[in-house]
Amino acid sequence: MVDQFKRYTFIKRGVFYYSRRVPSELQTIYSKVRVTTCLHTKVEAKANRAAASQDAKALLLKDDAEWQRLRPLMKVKNDAEFEALKIGFRAGIPTLKTTDQAAAARLFTLLAQYGGQDLTGENPILASGTFAPNDGLF
């Protein structure tokens, strides 16, 4: 099973990365057709586990049939509890749109304005490069 994740991982400067095509049904929402993210490891076994986690999240994000397959393992009491858990899990999956950089910059400016250097340090403006590109799943 681990071998299937090798096709989605590659090594750059000794560190593993994960790269997948954005599913066609989600391409209208996201501006990219391919997403690449750093797995933050140089160890192949860890990279394979991280890639498996990314694949599982991608599958559960879009596939209700997979949720039905998992339902008996979840031991939910009723449909409402099942739906709440599914919605909550999906909401917690990071996406490319998770980080609203403009909102973060506005918040940082407010922190600098009201909290001063104690909160933001010497720079009252959010530093460029604070957010890594493609820092999400889809």
N, C-alpha and C. Protein backbone atom coordinates (compact mmCIF):
# COMPACT_ATOMS: atom_id res chain seq x y z
N MET A 1 0.82 -1.19 0.00
CA MET A 1 0.00 0.00 0.00
C MET A 1 0.86 1.26 0.00
N VAL A 2 1.98 1.23 0.70
CA VAL A 2 2.85 2.40 0.79
C VAL A 2 3.35 2.82 -0.59
N ASP A 3 3.61 1.84 -1.48
CA ASP A 3 4.16 2.16 -2.79
C ASP A 3 3.26 3.07 -3.61
N GLN A 4 1.94 3.01 -3.42
CA GLN A 4 1.06 3.86 -4.20
C GLN A 4 1.29 5.33 -3.93
N PHE A 5 1.83 5.69 -2.78
CA PHE A 5 2.05 7.09 -2.46
C PHE A 5 3.33 7.63 -3.07
N LYS A 6 4.22 6.76 -3.50
CA LYS A 6 5.47 7.22 -4.11
C LYS A 6 5.20 8.03 -5.37
N ARG A 7 4.14 7.71 -6.08
CA ARG A 7 3.87 8.44 -7.32
C ARG A 7 3.41 9.87 -7.05
N TYR A 8 3.00 10.17 -5.82
CA TYR A 8 2.56 11.51 -5.48
C TYR A 8 3.61 12.30 -4.71
N THR A 9 4.72 11.67 -4.41
CA THR A 9 5.77 12.36 -3.65
C THR A 9 7.02 12.50 -4.51
N PHE A 10 7.78 13.53 -4.20
CA PHE A 10 9.08 13.71 -4.85
C PHE A 10 10.00 14.39 -3.84
N ILE A 11 11.29 14.34 -4.13
CA ILE A 11 12.29 14.91 -3.23
C ILE A 11 12.90 16.15 -3.87
N LYS A 12 12.95 17.22 -3.07
CA LYS A 12 13.58 18.46 -3.51
C LYS A 12 14.52 18.90 -2.39
N ARG A 13 15.80 19.02 -2.71
CA ARG A 13 16.83 19.37 -1.72
C ARG A 13 16.78 18.46 -0.49
N GLY A 14 16.50 17.18 -0.73
CA GLY A 14 16.51 16.19 0.33
C GLY A 14 15.23 16.11 1.14
N VAL A 15 14.23 16.95 0.84
CA VAL A 15 12.97 16.97 1.59
C VAL A 15 11.85 16.46 0.70
N PHE A 16 10.95 15.67 1.26
CA PHE A 16 9.84 15.12 0.51
C PHE A 16 8.72 16.15 0.33
N TYR A 17 8.12 16.13 -0.86
CA TYR A 17 6.97 16.96 -1.20
C TYR A 17 5.86 16.05 -1.72
N TYR A 18 4.65 16.53 -1.61
CA TYR A 18 3.46 15.82 -2.08
C TYR A 18 2.83 16.66 -3.18
N SER A 19 2.46 16.05 -4.29
CA SER A 19 1.87 16.79 -5.39
C SER A 19 0.72 15.98 -5.99
N ARG A 20 -0.43 16.65 -6.15
CA ARG A 20 -1.60 15.99 -6.74
C ARG A 20 -2.32 16.97 -7.64
N ARG A 21 -3.02 16.43 -8.60
CA ARG A 21 -3.89 17.22 -9.45
C ARG A 21 -5.15 17.55 -8.65
N VAL A 22 -5.63 18.77 -8.77
CA VAL A 22 -6.88 19.15 -8.13
C VAL A 22 -8.01 18.45 -8.90
N PRO A 23 -8.91 17.75 -8.20
CA PRO A 23 -9.99 17.05 -8.90
C PRO A 23 -10.79 18.01 -9.79
N SER A 24 -11.22 17.54 -10.93
CA SER A 24 -11.89 18.40 -11.90
C SER A 24 -13.11 19.10 -11.31
N GLU A 25 -13.83 18.43 -10.41
CA GLU A 25 -15.01 19.06 -9.83
C GLU A 25 -14.68 20.19 -8.87
N LEU A 26 -13.41 20.29 -8.46
CA LEU A 26 -12.99 21.37 -7.57
C LEU A 26 -12.19 22.46 -8.29
N GLN A 27 -11.86 22.24 -9.55
CA GLN A 27 -11.03 23.21 -10.28
C GLN A 27 -11.74 24.53 -10.51
N THR A 28 -13.05 24.55 -10.49
CA THR A 28 -13.77 25.81 -10.65
C THR A 28 -13.64 26.68 -9.41
N ILE A 29 -13.35 26.06 -8.27
CA ILE A 29 -13.23 26.78 -7.01
C ILE A 29 -11.80 27.28 -6.79
N TYR A 30 -10.81 26.48 -7.19
CA TYR A 30 -9.41 26.79 -6.94
C TYR A 30 -8.72 27.24 -8.21
N SER A 31 -7.76 28.11 -8.05
CA SER A 31 -7.10 28.70 -9.21
C SER A 31 -6.01 27.81 -9.81
N LYS A 32 -5.70 26.71 -9.18
CA LYS A 32 -4.62 25.85 -9.66
C LYS A 32 -5.16 24.49 -10.06
N VAL A 33 -4.48 23.86 -11.00
CA VAL A 33 -4.87 22.51 -11.39
C VAL A 33 -4.01 21.46 -10.67
N ARG A 34 -2.92 21.90 -10.06
CA ARG A 34 -2.04 21.00 -9.31
C ARG A 34 -1.65 21.68 -8.01
N VAL A 35 -1.63 20.90 -6.94
CA VAL A 35 -1.24 21.42 -5.63
C VAL A 35 -0.01 20.65 -5.17
N THR A 36 0.98 21.38 -4.70
CA THR A 36 2.20 20.79 -4.17
C THR A 36 2.42 21.36 -2.78
N THR A 37 2.71 20.48 -1.83
CA THR A 37 2.96 20.93 -0.46
C THR A 37 4.14 20.17 0.14
N CYS A 38 4.89 20.84 0.97
CA CYS A 38 6.04 20.23 1.63
C CYS A 38 5.54 19.31 2.73
N LEU A 39 6.13 18.12 2.83
CA LEU A 39 5.78 17.17 3.89
C LEU A 39 6.68 17.31 5.11
N HIS A 40 7.64 18.21 5.05
CA HIS A 40 8.51 18.55 6.18
C HIS A 40 9.23 17.34 6.77
N THR A 41 9.72 16.47 5.89
CA THR A 41 10.50 15.33 6.35
C THR A 41 11.48 14.90 5.28
N LYS A 42 12.57 14.32 5.74
CA LYS A 42 13.56 13.72 4.84
C LYS A 42 13.51 12.20 4.91
N VAL A 43 12.58 11.68 5.73
CA VAL A 43 12.44 10.24 5.95
C VAL A 43 11.31 9.70 5.09
N GLU A 44 11.62 8.72 4.24
CA GLU A 44 10.63 8.21 3.29
C GLU A 44 9.40 7.63 3.98
N ALA A 45 9.57 6.90 5.05
CA ALA A 45 8.42 6.31 5.75
C ALA A 45 7.47 7.39 6.27
N LYS A 46 8.04 8.46 6.81
CA LYS A 46 7.21 9.58 7.29
C LYS A 46 6.51 10.26 6.13
N ALA A 47 7.22 10.41 5.02
CA ALA A 47 6.63 11.04 3.84
C ALA A 47 5.46 10.21 3.32
N ASN A 48 5.61 8.89 3.32
CA ASN A 48 4.52 8.02 2.86
C ASN A 48 3.30 8.12 3.77
N ARG A 49 3.53 8.20 5.08
CA ARG A 49 2.40 8.36 6.01
C ARG A 49 1.72 9.71 5.79
N ALA A 50 2.51 10.76 5.60
CA ALA A 50 1.93 12.08 5.36
C ALA A 50 1.16 12.10 4.04
N ALA A 51 1.69 11.44 3.02
CA ALA A 51 1.00 11.37 1.73
C ALA A 51 -0.31 10.60 1.87
N ALA A 52 -0.29 9.52 2.64
CA ALA A 52 -1.51 8.75 2.88
C ALA A 52 -2.56 9.61 3.59
N SER A 53 -2.11 10.41 4.53
CA SER A 53 -3.02 11.31 5.24
C SER A 53 -3.62 12.33 4.28
N GLN A 54 -2.79 12.89 3.41
CA GLN A 54 -3.28 13.86 2.42
C GLN A 54 -4.31 13.19 1.50
N ASP A 55 -4.02 11.97 1.05
CA ASP A 55 -4.95 11.26 0.17
C ASP A 55 -6.27 10.98 0.87
N ALA A 56 -6.21 10.56 2.12
CA ALA A 56 -7.43 10.28 2.88
C ALA A 56 -8.28 11.54 3.03
N LYS A 57 -7.64 12.65 3.34
CA LYS A 57 -8.37 13.91 3.49
C LYS A 57 -9.01 14.33 2.17
N ALA A 58 -8.26 14.17 1.07
CA ALA A 58 -8.80 14.53 -0.24
C ALA A 58 -10.02 13.67 -0.58
N LEU A 59 -9.95 12.39 -0.28
CA LEU A 59 -11.05 11.48 -0.55
C LEU A 59 -12.27 11.82 0.31
N LEU A 60 -12.05 12.06 1.59
CA LEU A 60 -13.16 12.36 2.50
C LEU A 60 -13.75 13.75 2.26
N LEU A 61 -12.98 14.61 1.64
CA LEU A 61 -13.48 15.95 1.32
C LEU A 61 -14.57 15.91 0.26
N LYS A 62 -14.48 14.95 -0.66
CA LYS A 62 -15.38 14.97 -1.81
C LYS A 62 -16.25 13.73 -1.98
N ASP A 63 -15.99 12.66 -1.26
CA ASP A 63 -16.65 11.39 -1.54
C ASP A 63 -17.57 10.95 -0.40
N ASP A 64 -18.87 11.14 -0.59
CA ASP A 64 -19.84 10.73 0.43
C ASP A 64 -19.91 9.21 0.59
N ALA A 65 -19.60 8.47 -0.48
CA ALA A 65 -19.62 7.00 -0.40
C ALA A 65 -18.57 6.50 0.59
N GLU A 66 -17.43 7.16 0.64
CA GLU A 66 -16.40 6.77 1.62
C GLU A 66 -16.89 6.99 3.04
N TRP A 67 -17.63 8.07 3.23
CA TRP A 67 -18.19 8.33 4.57
C TRP A 67 -19.16 7.23 4.96
N GLN A 68 -19.95 6.75 4.01
CA GLN A 68 -20.89 5.67 4.31
C GLN A 68 -20.14 4.40 4.67
N ARG A 69 -19.00 4.17 4.03
CA ARG A 69 -18.17 3.00 4.35
C ARG A 69 -17.61 3.09 5.76
N LEU A 70 -17.30 4.32 6.20
CA LEU A 70 -16.74 4.53 7.53
C LEU A 70 -17.80 4.60 8.63
N ARG A 71 -19.01 4.83 8.26
CA ARG A 71 -20.08 5.07 9.25
C ARG A 71 -20.16 4.00 10.35
N PRO A 72 -20.11 2.70 10.03
CA PRO A 72 -20.19 1.71 11.11
C PRO A 72 -19.05 1.83 12.12
N LEU A 73 -17.90 2.26 11.66
CA LEU A 73 -16.74 2.41 12.56
C LEU A 73 -16.89 3.64 13.46
N MET A 74 -17.71 4.58 13.05
CA MET A 74 -17.88 5.83 13.80
C MET A 74 -18.82 5.66 15.00
N LYS A 75 -19.64 4.64 14.98
CA LYS A 75 -20.57 4.36 16.09
C LYS A 75 -21.44 5.55 16.45
N VAL A 76 -21.99 6.19 15.43
CA VAL A 76 -22.88 7.33 15.66
C VAL A 76 -24.26 6.83 16.06
N LYS A 77 -24.98 7.67 16.79
CA LYS A 77 -26.30 7.29 17.30
C LYS A 77 -27.41 7.54 16.29
N ASN A 78 -27.19 8.52 15.39
CA ASN A 78 -28.25 8.86 14.44
C ASN A 78 -27.66 9.62 13.24
N ASP A 79 -28.53 9.91 12.28
CA ASP A 79 -28.09 10.60 11.06
C ASP A 79 -27.55 12.00 11.35
N ALA A 80 -28.18 12.70 12.28
CA ALA A 80 -27.74 14.07 12.60
C ALA A 80 -26.32 14.07 13.16
N GLU A 81 -26.01 13.13 14.02
CA GLU A 81 -24.66 13.05 14.59
C GLU A 81 -23.65 12.70 13.50
N PHE A 82 -24.02 11.78 12.61
CA PHE A 82 -23.15 11.40 11.50
C PHE A 82 -22.85 12.61 10.62
N GLU A 83 -23.89 13.35 10.24
CA GLU A 83 -23.71 14.52 9.38
C GLU A 83 -22.87 15.60 10.07
N ALA A 84 -23.10 15.79 11.36
CA ALA A 84 -22.33 16.80 12.11
C ALA A 84 -20.85 16.44 12.13
N LEU A 85 -20.54 15.17 12.35
CA LEU A 85 -19.14 14.74 12.36
C LEU A 85 -18.51 14.89 10.98
N LYS A 86 -19.26 14.55 9.94
CA LYS A 86 -18.75 14.67 8.57
C LYS A 86 -18.48 16.13 8.22
N ILE A 87 -19.43 16.99 8.53
CA ILE A 87 -19.28 18.42 8.23
C ILE A 87 -18.11 19.01 9.02
N GLY A 88 -18.01 18.65 10.29
CA GLY A 88 -16.92 19.15 11.13
C GLY A 88 -15.56 18.70 10.63
N PHE A 89 -15.46 17.43 10.23
CA PHE A 89 -14.19 16.93 9.71
C PHE A 89 -13.81 17.65 8.43
N ARG A 90 -14.76 17.79 7.53
CA ARG A 90 -14.48 18.47 6.26
C ARG A 90 -14.09 19.93 6.48
N ALA A 91 -14.72 20.57 7.43
CA ALA A 91 -14.39 21.98 7.71
C ALA A 91 -12.96 22.13 8.22
N GLY A 92 -12.44 21.09 8.84
CA GLY A 92 -11.09 21.17 9.39
C GLY A 92 -9.99 20.79 8.43
N ILE A 93 -10.34 20.37 7.22
CA ILE A 93 -9.33 20.02 6.22
C ILE A 93 -8.78 21.30 5.61
N PRO A 94 -7.48 21.52 5.71
CA PRO A 94 -6.92 22.76 5.16
C PRO A 94 -7.04 22.80 3.64
N THR A 95 -7.31 23.97 3.12
CA THR A 95 -7.39 24.17 1.68
C THR A 95 -6.54 25.37 1.31
N LEU A 96 -6.33 25.57 0.03
CA LEU A 96 -5.56 26.74 -0.40
C LEU A 96 -6.24 28.03 0.03
N LYS A 97 -7.54 28.01 0.18
CA LYS A 97 -8.26 29.22 0.54
C LYS A 97 -8.38 29.38 2.05
N THR A 98 -7.83 28.46 2.84
CA THR A 98 -7.92 28.55 4.28
C THR A 98 -7.29 29.83 4.79
N THR A 99 -6.14 30.19 4.26
CA THR A 99 -5.43 31.36 4.72
C THR A 99 -5.84 32.58 3.91
N ASP A 100 -6.56 33.47 4.53
CA ASP A 100 -6.94 34.73 3.89
C ASP A 100 -5.85 35.74 4.24
N GLN A 101 -4.90 35.89 3.35
CA GLN A 101 -3.74 36.73 3.64
C GLN A 101 -4.11 38.19 3.83
N ALA A 102 -5.09 38.67 3.10
CA ALA A 102 -5.51 40.07 3.28
C ALA A 102 -6.12 40.27 4.66
N ALA A 103 -6.92 39.31 5.12
CA ALA A 103 -7.52 39.41 6.46
C ALA A 103 -6.43 39.32 7.53
N ALA A 104 -5.45 38.47 7.31
CA ALA A 104 -4.35 38.35 8.27
C ALA A 104 -3.56 39.66 8.35
N ALA A 105 -3.35 40.30 7.21
CA ALA A 105 -2.63 41.58 7.19
C ALA A 105 -3.42 42.66 7.92
N ARG A 106 -4.76 42.67 7.72
CA ARG A 106 -5.59 43.65 8.44
C ARG A 106 -5.54 43.41 9.94
N LEU A 107 -5.61 42.15 10.34
CA LEU A 107 -5.54 41.82 11.77
C LEU A 107 -4.19 42.23 12.35
N PHE A 108 -3.12 41.98 11.62
CA PHE A 108 -1.79 42.35 12.09
C PHE A 108 -1.68 43.86 12.27
N THR A 109 -2.25 44.61 11.33
CA THR A 109 -2.24 46.07 11.42
C THR A 109 -3.00 46.53 12.66
N LEU A 110 -4.13 45.91 12.95
CA LEU A 110 -4.90 46.26 14.16
C LEU A 110 -4.12 45.92 15.42
N LEU A 111 -3.46 44.77 15.41
CA LEU A 111 -2.64 44.39 16.57
C LEU A 111 -1.52 45.41 16.80
N ALA A 112 -0.91 45.85 15.70
CA ALA A 112 0.15 46.86 15.82
C ALA A 112 -0.41 48.18 16.33
N GLN A 113 -1.59 48.54 15.83
CA GLN A 113 -2.21 49.80 16.22
C GLN A 113 -2.60 49.82 17.70
N TYR A 114 -3.20 48.75 18.18
CA TYR A 114 -3.71 48.74 19.55
C TYR A 114 -2.77 48.11 20.56
N GLY A 115 -1.91 47.21 20.12
CA GLY A 115 -1.02 46.54 21.06
C GLY A 115 0.43 46.98 20.96
N GLY A 116 0.75 47.64 19.85
CA GLY A 116 2.10 48.14 19.67
C GLY A 116 3.14 47.04 19.51
N GLN A 117 4.37 47.41 19.79
CA GLN A 117 5.50 46.51 19.59
C GLN A 117 5.46 45.29 20.50
N ASP A 118 4.75 45.37 21.60
CA ASP A 118 4.64 44.19 22.46
C ASP A 118 3.98 43.02 21.73
N LEU A 119 3.06 43.33 20.82
CA LEU A 119 2.37 42.28 20.08
C LEU A 119 3.01 41.96 18.73
N THR A 120 3.50 42.98 18.06
CA THR A 120 3.94 42.77 16.67
C THR A 120 5.43 42.96 16.42
N GLY A 121 6.16 43.36 17.42
CA GLY A 121 7.57 43.65 17.19
C GLY A 121 7.74 45.00 16.54
N GLU A 122 8.88 45.22 15.93
CA GLU A 122 9.19 46.54 15.38
C GLU A 122 8.45 46.86 14.09
N ASN A 123 8.03 45.85 13.37
CA ASN A 123 7.38 46.09 12.08
C ASN A 123 5.87 46.10 12.25
N PRO A 124 5.20 47.21 11.95
CA PRO A 124 3.74 47.28 12.10
C PRO A 124 2.98 46.66 10.92
N ILE A 125 3.70 46.14 9.94
CA ILE A 125 3.07 45.54 8.75
C ILE A 125 3.49 44.08 8.67
N LEU A 126 2.54 43.22 8.34
CA LEU A 126 2.81 41.79 8.20
C LEU A 126 3.89 41.58 7.15
N ALA A 127 4.92 40.85 7.51
CA ALA A 127 6.06 40.64 6.61
C ALA A 127 5.66 39.80 5.41
N SER A 128 6.16 40.19 4.24
CA SER A 128 5.91 39.36 3.06
C SER A 128 6.62 38.03 3.25
N GLY A 129 6.05 36.98 2.73
CA GLY A 129 6.62 35.65 2.90
C GLY A 129 6.16 34.96 4.18
N THR A 130 5.27 35.60 4.93
CA THR A 130 4.75 34.97 6.16
C THR A 130 4.02 33.68 5.82
N PHE A 131 3.29 33.66 4.72
CA PHE A 131 2.55 32.49 4.31
C PHE A 131 3.26 31.84 3.13
N ALA A 132 3.49 30.54 3.25
CA ALA A 132 4.12 29.79 2.17
C ALA A 132 3.13 29.59 1.03
N PRO A 133 3.58 29.64 -0.21
CA PRO A 133 2.67 29.36 -1.32
C PRO A 133 2.24 27.90 -1.31
N ASN A 134 1.03 27.63 -1.79
CA ASN A 134 0.51 26.26 -1.86
C ASN A 134 0.51 25.56 -0.52
N ASP A 135 0.24 26.29 0.54
CA ASP A 135 0.31 25.70 1.88
C ASP A 135 -1.04 25.09 2.27
N GLY A 136 -1.54 24.25 1.41
CA GLY A 136 -2.81 23.62 1.71
C GLY A 136 -3.00 22.38 0.87
N LEU A 137 -4.11 21.74 1.07
CA LEU A 137 -4.35 20.49 0.38
C LEU A 137 -4.92 20.72 -1.01
N PHE A 138 -5.93 21.58 -1.13
CA PHE A 138 -6.55 21.85 -2.43
C PHE A 138 -6.73 23.30 -2.66
